[in-house]
């Protein structure tokens, strides 16, 4: 997936993921299979990212619409973020 073809809200999330581990977003090849295995994060970093992501979804109507539909329910947002991290989160240290 080319970085310029990534939707704006997903780009913000991926940039935050990169920032969390000190990776440079523009250097990541998102077309590469298993790109998310190139970096590691601690349990604390993952938890902080999850909290940031859930709060972004709850507080930002546009982010919710672009990424999960329109539910503002915290449990639904948490479930979505858990699945995102499970599928695309960095390796755990």
PDB file of N, CA and C in Angstrom:
ATOM      1  N   UNK A   1       0.858  -1.172   0.000  1.00  0.00           N
ATOM      2  CA  UNK A   1       0.000   0.000   0.000  1.00  0.00           C
ATOM      3  C   UNK A   1       0.904   1.235   0.000  1.00  0.00           C
ATOM      4  N   UNK A   2       0.707   2.094  -0.958  1.00  0.00           N
ATOM      5  CA  UNK A   2       1.486   3.325  -1.017  1.00  0.00           C
ATOM      6  C   UNK A   2       1.046   4.247   0.106  1.00  0.00           C
ATOM      7  N   UNK A   3       1.999   4.963   0.667  1.00  0.00           N
ATOM      8  CA  UNK A   3       1.658   5.871   1.751  1.00  0.00           C
ATOM      9  C   UNK A   3       0.712   6.966   1.292  1.00  0.00           C
ATOM     10  N   UNK A   4       0.831   7.405   0.044  1.00  0.00           N
ATOM     11  CA  UNK A   4      -0.058   8.464  -0.430  1.00  0.00           C
ATOM     12  C   UNK A   4      -1.466   7.958  -0.732  1.00  0.00           C
ATOM     13  N   UNK A   5      -1.664   6.629  -0.749  1.00  0.00           N
ATOM     14  CA  UNK A   5      -2.996   6.080  -0.981  1.00  0.00           C
ATOM     15  C   UNK A   5      -3.709   5.709   0.328  1.00  0.00           C
ATOM     16  N   UNK A   6      -3.045   5.913   1.449  1.00  0.00           N
ATOM     17  CA  UNK A   6      -3.624   5.596   2.751  1.00  0.00           C
ATOM     18  C   UNK A   6      -4.584   6.711   3.146  1.00  0.00           C
ATOM     19  N   UNK A   7      -5.775   6.342   3.615  1.00  0.00           N
ATOM     20  CA  UNK A   7      -6.746   7.369   4.022  1.00  0.00           C
ATOM     21  C   UNK A   7      -6.160   8.211   5.161  1.00  0.00           C
ATOM     22  N   UNK A   8      -6.604   9.453   5.237  1.00  0.00           N
ATOM     23  CA  UNK A   8      -5.983  10.419   6.143  1.00  0.00           C
ATOM     24  C   UNK A   8      -6.038  10.003   7.608  1.00  0.00           C
ATOM     25  N   UNK A   9      -7.119   9.391   8.037  1.00  0.00           N
ATOM     26  CA  UNK A   9      -7.220   8.976   9.445  1.00  0.00           C
ATOM     27  C   UNK A   9      -6.317   7.789   9.739  1.00  0.00           C
ATOM     28  N   UNK A  10      -6.247   6.844   8.831  1.00  0.00           N
ATOM     29  CA  UNK A  10      -5.339   5.713   9.015  1.00  0.00           C
ATOM     30  C   UNK A  10      -3.893   6.208   9.026  1.00  0.00           C
ATOM     31  N   UNK A  11      -3.593   7.178   8.207  1.00  0.00           N
ATOM     32  CA  UNK A  11      -2.246   7.748   8.173  1.00  0.00           C
ATOM     33  C   UNK A  11      -1.879   8.339   9.536  1.00  0.00           C
ATOM     34  N   UNK A  12      -2.805   9.044  10.161  1.00  0.00           N
ATOM     35  CA  UNK A  12      -2.559   9.617  11.490  1.00  0.00           C
ATOM     36  C   UNK A  12      -2.267   8.509  12.499  1.00  0.00           C
ATOM     37  N   UNK A  13      -3.027   7.427  12.430  1.00  0.00           N
ATOM     38  CA  UNK A  13      -2.836   6.290  13.347  1.00  0.00           C
ATOM     39  C   UNK A  13      -1.470   5.657  13.114  1.00  0.00           C
ATOM     40  N   UNK A  14      -1.116   5.424  11.861  1.00  0.00           N
ATOM     41  CA  UNK A  14       0.171   4.806  11.554  1.00  0.00           C
ATOM     42  C   UNK A  14       1.332   5.724  11.936  1.00  0.00           C
ATOM     43  N   UNK A  15       1.166   7.025  11.749  1.00  0.00           N
ATOM     44  CA  UNK A  15       2.200   7.962  12.171  1.00  0.00           C
ATOM     45  C   UNK A  15       2.395   7.904  13.684  1.00  0.00           C
ATOM     46  N   UNK A  16       1.302   7.806  14.429  1.00  0.00           N
ATOM     47  CA  UNK A  16       1.387   7.705  15.893  1.00  0.00           C
ATOM     48  C   UNK A  16       2.061   6.399  16.297  1.00  0.00           C
ATOM     49  N   UNK A  17       1.722   5.311  15.596  1.00  0.00           N
ATOM     50  CA  UNK A  17       2.383   4.031  15.872  1.00  0.00           C
ATOM     51  C   UNK A  17       3.894   4.168  15.688  1.00  0.00           C
ATOM     52  N   UNK A  18       4.291   4.786  14.592  1.00  0.00           N
ATOM     53  CA  UNK A  18       5.717   4.973  14.307  1.00  0.00           C
ATOM     54  C   UNK A  18       6.376   5.851  15.368  1.00  0.00           C
ATOM     55  N   UNK A  19       5.719   6.950  15.684  1.00  0.00           N
ATOM     56  CA  UNK A  19       6.238   7.873  16.693  1.00  0.00           C
ATOM     57  C   UNK A  19       6.448   7.156  18.031  1.00  0.00           C
ATOM     58  N   UNK A  20       5.544   6.254  18.364  1.00  0.00           N
ATOM     59  CA  UNK A  20       5.603   5.535  19.640  1.00  0.00           C
ATOM     60  C   UNK A  20       6.896   4.750  19.798  1.00  0.00           C
ATOM     61  N   UNK A  21       7.417   4.216  18.684  1.00  0.00           N
ATOM     62  CA  UNK A  21       8.635   3.393  18.763  1.00  0.00           C
ATOM     63  C   UNK A  21       9.854   4.072  18.161  1.00  0.00           C
ATOM     64  N   UNK A  22       9.713   5.344  17.783  1.00  0.00           N
ATOM     65  CA  UNK A  22      10.840   6.067  17.212  1.00  0.00           C
ATOM     66  C   UNK A  22      11.109   5.741  15.758  1.00  0.00           C
ATOM     67  N   UNK A  23      10.141   5.140  15.069  1.00  0.00           N
ATOM     68  CA  UNK A  23      10.290   4.838  13.640  1.00  0.00           C
ATOM     69  C   UNK A  23       9.902   6.065  12.823  1.00  0.00           C
ATOM     70  N   UNK A  24      10.446   6.163  11.633  1.00  0.00           N
ATOM     71  CA  UNK A  24      10.127   7.261  10.723  1.00  0.00           C
ATOM     72  C   UNK A  24       9.044   6.765   9.764  1.00  0.00           C
ATOM     73  N   UNK A  25       7.875   7.371   9.856  1.00  0.00           N
ATOM     74  CA  UNK A  25       6.717   6.946   9.063  1.00  0.00           C
ATOM     75  C   UNK A  25       7.039   6.822   7.578  1.00  0.00           C
ATOM     76  N   UNK A  26       7.674   7.815   7.011  1.00  0.00           N
ATOM     77  CA  UNK A  26       7.923   7.823   5.565  1.00  0.00           C
ATOM     78  C   UNK A  26       8.913   6.740   5.137  1.00  0.00           C
ATOM     79  N   UNK A  27       9.648   6.151   6.088  1.00  0.00           N
ATOM     80  CA  UNK A  27      10.597   5.086   5.762  1.00  0.00           C
ATOM     81  C   UNK A  27       9.973   3.694   5.799  1.00  0.00           C
ATOM     82  N   UNK A  28       8.738   3.583   6.250  1.00  0.00           N
ATOM     83  CA  UNK A  28       8.071   2.280   6.353  1.00  0.00           C
ATOM     84  C   UNK A  28       7.438   1.929   5.007  1.00  0.00           C
ATOM     85  N   UNK A  29       7.695   0.727   4.541  1.00  0.00           N
ATOM     86  CA  UNK A  29       7.091   0.237   3.302  1.00  0.00           C
ATOM     87  C   UNK A  29       5.847  -0.572   3.680  1.00  0.00           C
ATOM     88  N   UNK A  30       4.687   0.078   3.629  1.00  0.00           N
ATOM     89  CA  UNK A  30       3.452  -0.559   4.036  1.00  0.00           C
ATOM     90  C   UNK A  30       2.960  -1.600   3.029  1.00  0.00           C
ATOM     91  N   UNK A  31       3.605  -1.688   1.871  1.00  0.00           N
ATOM     92  CA  UNK A  31       3.278  -2.734   0.893  1.00  0.00           C
ATOM     93  C   UNK A  31       3.972  -4.044   1.252  1.00  0.00           C
ATOM     94  N   UNK A  32       5.018  -3.956   2.020  1.00  0.00           N
ATOM     95  CA  UNK A  32       5.809  -5.125   2.400  1.00  0.00           C
ATOM     96  C   UNK A  32       4.978  -6.049   3.300  1.00  0.00           C
ATOM     97  N   UNK A  33       5.030  -7.326   3.031  1.00  0.00           N
ATOM     98  CA  UNK A  33       4.354  -8.298   3.884  1.00  0.00           C
ATOM     99  C   UNK A  33       4.942  -8.228   5.290  1.00  0.00           C
ATOM    100  N   UNK A  34       4.084  -8.208   6.273  1.00  0.00           N
ATOM    101  CA  UNK A  34       4.501  -8.201   7.683  1.00  0.00           C
ATOM    102  C   UNK A  34       5.367  -6.996   8.059  1.00  0.00           C
ATOM    103  N   UNK A  35       5.080  -5.833   7.469  1.00  0.00           N
ATOM    104  CA  UNK A  35       5.818  -4.604   7.769  1.00  0.00           C
ATOM    105  C   UNK A  35       5.812  -4.291   9.259  1.00  0.00           C
ATOM    106  N   UNK A  36       4.761  -4.718   9.946  1.00  0.00           N
ATOM    107  CA  UNK A  36       4.586  -4.423  11.371  1.00  0.00           C
ATOM    108  C   UNK A  36       5.511  -5.243  12.267  1.00  0.00           C
ATOM    109  N   UNK A  37       6.275  -6.157  11.675  1.00  0.00           N
ATOM    110  CA  UNK A  37       7.232  -6.945  12.459  1.00  0.00           C
ATOM    111  C   UNK A  37       8.625  -6.306  12.496  1.00  0.00           C
ATOM    112  N   UNK A  38       8.764  -5.165  11.829  1.00  0.00           N
ATOM    113  CA  UNK A  38      10.068  -4.505  11.747  1.00  0.00           C
ATOM    114  C   UNK A  38      10.455  -3.759  13.024  1.00  0.00           C
ATOM    115  N   UNK A  39       9.486  -3.481  13.870  1.00  0.00           N
ATOM    116  CA  UNK A  39       9.761  -2.742  15.104  1.00  0.00           C
ATOM    117  C   UNK A  39       9.108  -3.452  16.279  1.00  0.00           C
ATOM    118  N   UNK A  40       9.552  -3.086  17.467  1.00  0.00           N
ATOM    119  CA  UNK A  40       9.002  -3.665  18.691  1.00  0.00           C
ATOM    120  C   UNK A  40       8.554  -2.549  19.612  1.00  0.00           C
ATOM    121  N   UNK A  41       7.569  -2.872  20.455  1.00  0.00           N
ATOM    122  CA  UNK A  41       7.191  -1.930  21.497  1.00  0.00           C
ATOM    123  C   UNK A  41       6.951  -2.683  22.786  1.00  0.00           C
ATOM    124  N   UNK A  42       7.073  -1.958  23.872  1.00  0.00           N
ATOM    125  CA  UNK A  42       6.849  -2.548  25.182  1.00  0.00           C
ATOM    126  C   UNK A  42       5.341  -2.630  25.434  1.00  0.00           C
ATOM    127  N   UNK A  43       4.974  -3.356  26.443  1.00  0.00           N
ATOM    128  CA  UNK A  43       3.569  -3.440  26.829  1.00  0.00           C
ATOM    129  C   UNK A  43       3.024  -2.041  27.173  1.00  0.00           C
ATOM    130  N   UNK A  44       3.865  -1.247  27.839  1.00  0.00           N
ATOM    131  CA  UNK A  44       3.462   0.116  28.218  1.00  0.00           C
ATOM    132  C   UNK A  44       3.248   0.993  26.981  1.00  0.00           C
ATOM    133  N   UNK A  45       4.154   0.899  26.007  1.00  0.00           N
ATOM    134  CA  UNK A  45       3.987   1.668  24.773  1.00  0.00           C
ATOM    135  C   UNK A  45       2.707   1.256  24.038  1.00  0.00           C
ATOM    136  N   UNK A  46       2.458  -0.031  23.986  1.00  0.00           N
ATOM    137  CA  UNK A  46       1.244  -0.532  23.342  1.00  0.00           C
ATOM    138  C   UNK A  46       0.002  -0.021  24.065  1.00  0.00           C
ATOM    139  N   UNK A  47       0.024  -0.059  25.378  1.00  0.00           N
ATOM    140  CA  UNK A  47      -1.103   0.417  26.181  1.00  0.00           C
ATOM    141  C   UNK A  47      -1.348   1.912  25.946  1.00  0.00           C
ATOM    142  N   UNK A  48      -0.282   2.700  25.923  1.00  0.00           N
ATOM    143  CA  UNK A  48      -0.416   4.135  25.677  1.00  0.00           C
ATOM    144  C   UNK A  48      -0.977   4.413  24.282  1.00  0.00           C
ATOM    145  N   UNK A  49      -0.504   3.664  23.290  1.00  0.00           N
ATOM    146  CA  UNK A  49      -1.020   3.808  21.933  1.00  0.00           C
ATOM    147  C   UNK A  49      -2.503   3.439  21.895  1.00  0.00           C
ATOM    148  N   UNK A  50      -2.861   2.352  22.545  1.00  0.00           N
ATOM    149  CA  UNK A  50      -4.269   1.926  22.571  1.00  0.00           C
ATOM    150  C   UNK A  50      -5.141   3.023  23.183  1.00  0.00           C
ATOM    151  N   UNK A  51      -4.721   3.555  24.314  1.00  0.00           N
ATOM    152  CA  UNK A  51      -5.490   4.622  24.966  1.00  0.00           C
ATOM    153  C   UNK A  51      -5.643   5.837  24.053  1.00  0.00           C
ATOM    154  N   UNK A  52      -4.546   6.210  23.390  1.00  0.00           N
ATOM    155  CA  UNK A  52      -4.596   7.344  22.466  1.00  0.00           C
ATOM    156  C   UNK A  52      -5.590   7.068  21.341  1.00  0.00           C
ATOM    157  N   UNK A  53      -5.512   5.876  20.757  1.00  0.00           N
ATOM    158  CA  UNK A  53      -6.347   5.504  19.619  1.00  0.00           C
ATOM    159  C   UNK A  53      -7.826   5.453  20.011  1.00  0.00           C
ATOM    160  N   UNK A  54      -8.134   4.816  21.133  1.00  0.00           N
ATOM    161  CA  UNK A  54      -9.526   4.739  21.604  1.00  0.00           C
ATOM    162  C   UNK A  54     -10.072   6.148  21.840  1.00  0.00           C
ATOM    163  N   UNK A  55      -9.297   6.987  22.516  1.00  0.00           N
ATOM    164  CA  UNK A  55      -9.743   8.361  22.772  1.00  0.00           C
ATOM    165  C   UNK A  55      -9.940   9.137  21.481  1.00  0.00           C
ATOM    166  N   UNK A  56      -9.070   8.925  20.515  1.00  0.00           N
ATOM    167  CA  UNK A  56      -9.234   9.599  19.216  1.00  0.00           C
ATOM    168  C   UNK A  56     -10.546   9.189  18.564  1.00  0.00           C
ATOM    169  N   UNK A  57     -10.856   7.904  18.608  1.00  0.00           N
ATOM    170  CA  UNK A  57     -12.103   7.432  17.998  1.00  0.00           C
ATOM    171  C   UNK A  57     -13.325   7.985  18.725  1.00  0.00           C
ATOM    172  N   UNK A  58     -13.273   8.036  20.034  1.00  0.00           N
ATOM    173  CA  UNK A  58     -14.413   8.517  20.809  1.00  0.00           C
ATOM    174  C   UNK A  58     -14.621  10.017  20.589  1.00  0.00           C
ATOM    175  N   UNK A  59     -13.543  10.779  20.541  1.00  0.00           N
ATOM    176  CA  UNK A  59     -13.650  12.241  20.479  1.00  0.00           C
ATOM    177  C   UNK A  59     -13.725  12.806  19.064  1.00  0.00           C
ATOM    178  N   UNK A  60     -13.329  12.033  18.071  1.00  0.00           N
ATOM    179  CA  UNK A  60     -13.237  12.550  16.710  1.00  0.00           C
ATOM    180  C   UNK A  60     -14.228  11.829  15.794  1.00  0.00           C
ATOM    181  N   UNK A  61     -15.309  12.518  15.481  1.00  0.00           N
ATOM    182  CA  UNK A  61     -16.376  11.944  14.652  1.00  0.00           C
ATOM    183  C   UNK A  61     -15.847  11.517  13.282  1.00  0.00           C
ATOM    184  N   UNK A  62     -14.992  12.324  12.688  1.00  0.00           N
ATOM    185  CA  UNK A  62     -14.453  12.008  11.370  1.00  0.00           C
ATOM    186  C   UNK A  62     -13.610  10.731  11.418  1.00  0.00           C
ATOM    187  N   UNK A  63     -12.777  10.594  12.457  1.00  0.00           N
ATOM    188  CA  UNK A  63     -11.943   9.395  12.608  1.00  0.00           C
ATOM    189  C   UNK A  63     -12.820   8.161  12.736  1.00  0.00           C
ATOM    190  N   UNK A  64     -13.870   8.258  13.551  1.00  0.00           N
ATOM    191  CA  UNK A  64     -14.791   7.119  13.716  1.00  0.00           C
ATOM    192  C   UNK A  64     -15.423   6.743  12.386  1.00  0.00           C
ATOM    193  N   UNK A  65     -15.909   7.753  11.669  1.00  0.00           N
ATOM    194  CA  UNK A  65     -16.576   7.506  10.392  1.00  0.00           C
ATOM    195  C   UNK A  65     -15.632   6.839   9.399  1.00  0.00           C
ATOM    196  N   UNK A  66     -14.413   7.320   9.319  1.00  0.00           N
ATOM    197  CA  UNK A  66     -13.442   6.797   8.361  1.00  0.00           C
ATOM    198  C   UNK A  66     -12.952   5.390   8.707  1.00  0.00           C
ATOM    199  N   UNK A  67     -12.837   5.097  10.008  1.00  0.00           N
ATOM    200  CA  UNK A  67     -12.211   3.840  10.405  1.00  0.00           C
ATOM    201  C   UNK A  67     -13.182   2.746  10.832  1.00  0.00           C
ATOM    202  N   UNK A  68     -14.261   3.102  11.533  1.00  0.00           N
ATOM    203  CA  UNK A  68     -15.142   2.045  12.044  1.00  0.00           C
ATOM    204  C   UNK A  68     -16.614   2.272  11.784  1.00  0.00           C
ATOM    205  N   UNK A  69     -16.982   3.313  11.140  1.00  0.00           N
ATOM    206  CA  UNK A  69     -18.401   3.624  10.991  1.00  0.00           C
ATOM    207  C   UNK A  69     -18.711   4.801  11.894  1.00  0.00           C
ATOM    208  N   UNK A  70     -19.800   4.734  12.608  1.00  0.00           N
ATOM    209  CA  UNK A  70     -20.162   5.921  13.391  1.00  0.00           C
ATOM    210  C   UNK A  70     -20.416   5.645  14.869  1.00  0.00           C
ATOM    211  N   UNK A  71     -20.082   4.483  15.370  1.00  0.00           N
ATOM    212  CA  UNK A  71     -20.347   4.170  16.770  1.00  0.00           C
ATOM    213  C   UNK A  71     -19.392   4.899  17.708  1.00  0.00           C
ATOM    214  N   UNK A  72     -19.961   5.578  18.701  1.00  0.00           N
ATOM    215  CA  UNK A  72     -19.164   6.277  19.710  1.00  0.00           C
ATOM    216  C   UNK A  72     -19.038   5.429  20.980  1.00  0.00           C
ATOM    217  N   UNK A  73     -19.589   4.240  20.960  1.00  0.00           N
ATOM    218  CA  UNK A  73     -19.562   3.339  22.098  1.00  0.00           C
ATOM    219  C   UNK A  73     -18.113   2.956  22.427  1.00  0.00           C
ATOM    220  N   UNK A  74     -17.709   3.196  23.661  1.00  0.00           N
ATOM    221  CA  UNK A  74     -16.318   2.947  24.064  1.00  0.00           C
ATOM    222  C   UNK A  74     -15.927   1.487  23.886  1.00  0.00           C
ATOM    223  N   UNK A  75     -16.814   0.568  24.221  1.00  0.00           N
ATOM    224  CA  UNK A  75     -16.489  -0.859  24.084  1.00  0.00           C
ATOM    225  C   UNK A  75     -16.250  -1.241  22.620  1.00  0.00           C
ATOM    226  N   UNK A  76     -17.037  -0.677  21.716  1.00  0.00           N
ATOM    227  CA  UNK A  76     -16.851  -0.955  20.286  1.00  0.00           C
ATOM    228  C   UNK A  76     -15.534  -0.368  19.809  1.00  0.00           C
ATOM    229  N   UNK A  77     -15.229   0.844  20.246  1.00  0.00           N
ATOM    230  CA  UNK A  77     -13.955   1.474  19.886  1.00  0.00           C
ATOM    231  C   UNK A  77     -12.782   0.663  20.421  1.00  0.00           C
ATOM    232  N   UNK A  78     -12.868   0.197  21.664  1.00  0.00           N
ATOM    233  CA  UNK A  78     -11.798  -0.614  22.254  1.00  0.00           C
ATOM    234  C   UNK A  78     -11.624  -1.924  21.498  1.00  0.00           C
ATOM    235  N   UNK A  79     -12.721  -2.549  21.139  1.00  0.00           N
ATOM    236  CA  UNK A  79     -12.662  -3.811  20.393  1.00  0.00           C
ATOM    237  C   UNK A  79     -11.988  -3.594  19.040  1.00  0.00           C
ATOM    238  N   UNK A  80     -12.367  -2.506  18.362  1.00  0.00           N
ATOM    239  CA  UNK A  80     -11.748  -2.193  17.075  1.00  0.00           C
ATOM    240  C   UNK A  80     -10.238  -1.999  17.236  1.00  0.00           C
ATOM    241  N   UNK A  81      -9.836  -1.226  18.241  1.00  0.00           N
ATOM    242  CA  UNK A  81      -8.410  -0.950  18.460  1.00  0.00           C
ATOM    243  C   UNK A  81      -7.674  -2.233  18.844  1.00  0.00           C
ATOM    244  N   UNK A  82      -8.287  -3.064  19.671  1.00  0.00           N
ATOM    245  CA  UNK A  82      -7.665  -4.350  20.020  1.00  0.00           C
ATOM    246  C   UNK A  82      -7.399  -5.185  18.771  1.00  0.00           C
ATOM    247  N   UNK A  83      -8.375  -5.234  17.874  1.00  0.00           N
ATOM    248  CA  UNK A  83      -8.208  -6.015  16.643  1.00  0.00           C
ATOM    249  C   UNK A  83      -7.156  -5.377  15.725  1.00  0.00           C
ATOM    250  N   UNK A  84      -7.133  -4.055  15.680  1.00  0.00           N
ATOM    251  CA  UNK A  84      -6.123  -3.367  14.881  1.00  0.00           C
ATOM    252  C   UNK A  84      -4.728  -3.710  15.398  1.00  0.00           C
ATOM    253  N   UNK A  85      -4.543  -3.616  16.705  1.00  0.00           N
ATOM    254  CA  UNK A  85      -3.240  -3.918  17.307  1.00  0.00           C
ATOM    255  C   UNK A  85      -2.889  -5.390  17.107  1.00  0.00           C
ATOM    256  N   UNK A  86      -3.861  -6.271  17.254  1.00  0.00           N
ATOM    257  CA  UNK A  86      -3.614  -7.701  17.049  1.00  0.00           C
ATOM    258  C   UNK A  86      -3.124  -7.959  15.622  1.00  0.00           C
ATOM    259  N   UNK A  87      -3.732  -7.292  14.657  1.00  0.00           N
ATOM    260  CA  UNK A  87      -3.379  -7.519  13.244  1.00  0.00           C
ATOM    261  C   UNK A  87      -2.175  -6.719  12.767  1.00  0.00           C
ATOM    262  N   UNK A  88      -1.990  -5.499  13.267  1.00  0.00           N
ATOM    263  CA  UNK A  88      -0.983  -4.604  12.718  1.00  0.00           C
ATOM    264  C   UNK A  88      -0.049  -3.971  13.746  1.00  0.00           C
ATOM    265  N   UNK A  89      -0.210  -4.309  14.999  1.00  0.00           N
ATOM    266  CA  UNK A  89       0.651  -3.725  16.027  1.00  0.00           C
ATOM    267  C   UNK A  89       2.070  -4.231  15.915  1.00  0.00           C
ATOM    268  N   UNK A  90       3.003  -3.428  16.403  1.00  0.00           N
ATOM    269  CA  UNK A  90       4.401  -3.849  16.432  1.00  0.00           C
ATOM    270  C   UNK A  90       4.566  -5.103  17.282  1.00  0.00           C
ATOM    271  N   UNK A  91       5.678  -5.798  17.088  1.00  0.00           N
ATOM    272  CA  UNK A  91       5.994  -6.954  17.936  1.00  0.00           C
ATOM    273  C   UNK A  91       6.142  -6.468  19.372  1.00  0.00           C
ATOM    274  N   UNK A  92       5.830  -7.337  20.297  1.00  0.00           N
ATOM    275  CA  UNK A  92       5.986  -7.025  21.714  1.00  0.00           C
ATOM    276  C   UNK A  92       7.388  -7.395  22.134  1.00  0.00           C
ATOM    277  N   UNK A  93       8.062  -6.493  22.875  1.00  0.00           N
ATOM    278  CA  UNK A  93       9.429  -6.762  23.394  1.00  0.00           C
ATOM    279  C   UNK A  93       9.352  -7.803  24.471  1.00  0.00           C
TER     280      UNK A  93
END
